[in-house]
Protein backbone atom coordinates (compact mmCIF):
# COMPACT_ATOMS: atom_id res chain seq x y z
CA MET A 1 51.68 -18.05 196.87
CA PRO A 2 51.01 -15.80 193.31
CA ALA A 3 49.55 -17.48 191.01
CA GLY A 4 53.25 -15.94 189.04
CA LEU A 5 54.95 -18.07 191.19
CA ARG A 6 53.63 -20.90 189.94
CA ASP A 7 54.22 -23.77 187.14
CA ASN A 8 51.55 -25.23 185.80
CA ASN A 9 49.40 -24.00 188.81
CA GLU A 10 52.43 -25.88 191.37
CA PRO A 11 55.06 -23.26 192.57
CA VAL A 12 57.81 -23.08 191.77
CA PHE A 13 59.47 -22.59 195.02
CA HIS A 14 58.43 -25.63 197.71
CA GLU A 15 61.49 -23.42 199.79
CA PRO A 16 62.77 -20.82 201.55
CA TRP A 17 66.88 -21.34 200.15
CA GLN A 18 65.46 -22.48 197.05
CA ALA A 19 63.85 -18.48 196.43
CA GLN A 20 66.99 -16.98 197.83
CA ALA A 21 69.45 -19.23 196.03
CA PHE A 22 67.45 -18.22 193.04
CA ALA A 23 67.51 -14.52 193.73
CA LEU A 24 70.97 -14.71 195.01
CA ALA A 25 72.10 -15.64 191.24
CA VAL A 26 69.83 -13.13 189.99
CA SER A 27 71.89 -10.32 192.02
CA LEU A 28 74.88 -12.21 191.13
CA ILE A 29 74.46 -11.12 187.08
CA GLU A 30 72.31 -8.08 187.63
CA SER A 31 75.88 -7.41 190.14
CA GLY A 32 78.36 -7.64 186.77
CA LYS A 33 80.19 -10.20 188.66
CA ILE A 34 78.58 -13.04 186.33
CA SER A 35 77.90 -13.13 183.53
CA TRP A 36 74.81 -14.72 181.86
CA ASN A 37 76.56 -17.02 179.73
CA GLU A 38 78.87 -18.47 183.18
CA TRP A 39 75.84 -19.14 184.44
CA ALA A 40 74.06 -21.01 181.68
CA GLU A 41 77.33 -22.99 181.62
CA THR A 42 77.92 -23.91 185.15
CA LEU A 43 74.75 -24.21 185.71
CA GLY A 44 74.29 -26.77 182.65
CA ASP A 45 77.75 -28.54 183.57
CA GLU A 46 76.86 -29.10 187.35
CA ILE A 47 73.53 -30.97 186.08
CA PHE A 48 74.93 -32.93 183.40
CA ARG A 49 77.27 -33.80 186.05
CA ALA A 50 75.41 -34.16 188.44
CA PRO A 51 75.05 -38.23 188.07
CA ASP A 52 78.19 -38.69 188.91
CA HIS A 53 77.95 -36.59 192.52
CA GLY A 54 75.34 -38.93 193.67
CA ILE A 55 72.55 -36.75 193.01
CA ALA A 56 69.24 -37.46 191.29
CA GLU A 57 67.93 -36.92 188.04
CA ASP A 58 64.51 -36.24 188.68
CA GLY A 59 64.30 -32.84 188.79
CA THR A 60 64.25 -32.56 192.27
CA ALA A 61 67.84 -31.22 193.60
CA TYR A 62 67.42 -28.83 191.08
CA TYR A 63 68.06 -25.96 192.81
CA GLU A 64 70.33 -28.08 195.45
CA LEU A 65 72.04 -28.21 191.42
CA TRP A 66 71.74 -24.27 191.55
CA LEU A 67 73.58 -23.84 195.39
CA ARG A 68 77.12 -26.28 193.31
CA ALA A 69 76.22 -23.79 190.18
CA LEU A 70 77.01 -20.66 192.40
CA GLU A 71 79.54 -22.03 195.34
CA ARG A 72 81.89 -22.96 191.70
CA LEU A 73 80.99 -18.95 190.40
CA VAL A 74 81.55 -17.17 193.82
CA THR A 75 84.57 -18.53 194.54
CA GLN A 76 85.40 -18.60 190.53
CA ALA A 77 84.65 -14.61 191.04
CA GLY A 78 87.16 -14.21 193.59
CA LEU A 79 84.24 -13.94 196.06
CA VAL A 80 84.21 -16.37 198.66
CA ASP A 81 87.43 -18.27 199.55
CA SER A 82 86.75 -21.94 198.73
CA THR A 83 87.85 -22.95 202.20
CA ARG A 84 86.16 -20.09 204.25
CA LEU A 85 83.05 -21.44 202.44
CA SER A 86 83.90 -25.19 203.71
CA GLY A 87 83.74 -23.25 207.04
CA LEU A 88 80.11 -21.33 206.60
CA LYS A 89 78.68 -24.69 204.82
CA ASN A 90 79.82 -26.49 207.39
CA ALA A 91 78.86 -24.63 210.13
CA TRP A 92 75.23 -23.57 208.96
CA TRP A 93 74.93 -27.70 208.93
CA GLN A 94 75.80 -28.24 212.43
CA ALA A 95 73.14 -25.25 213.54
CA TYR A 96 70.77 -26.88 211.73
CA HIS A 97 71.59 -29.92 212.96
CA ASP A 98 71.53 -28.51 216.52
CA THR A 99 68.25 -26.14 216.10
CA PRO A 100 65.47 -28.11 218.28
CA HIS A 101 62.34 -28.35 215.83
CA GLY A 102 60.51 -24.85 214.29
CA GLN A 103 63.26 -22.23 216.18
CA PRO A 104 64.95 -20.35 213.88
CA VAL A 105 68.27 -21.44 212.80
CA GLN A 106 70.88 -19.33 213.48
CA LEU A 107 75.16 -19.36 213.09
CA PRO A 108 76.53 -19.08 216.27
CA GLY A 109 78.66 -15.37 216.94
CA ARG A 110 75.90 -13.92 213.77
């Protein structure tokens, strides 16, 4: 991994989805769909509320909190309907569950 993508010699992103969540947040901000202030406030709120959702406060679930913040912001901005988002999340979970180890996860019909 390039040195620029490391923090204290550790990878910043441990899984590809974490980098994708980061990129999505930056893209939404740069395109004007959400503001930096909205992002910071929403992520901060998710971090504050993490214990209420049973999320560990040790930093291991940091990017899960990014996803929660992204989901809130895209639904609040009307970029996706919450019902559709829930359906997509369920479809991804099912596809992940049904995919043999080592194979790429693909949503049916996509």
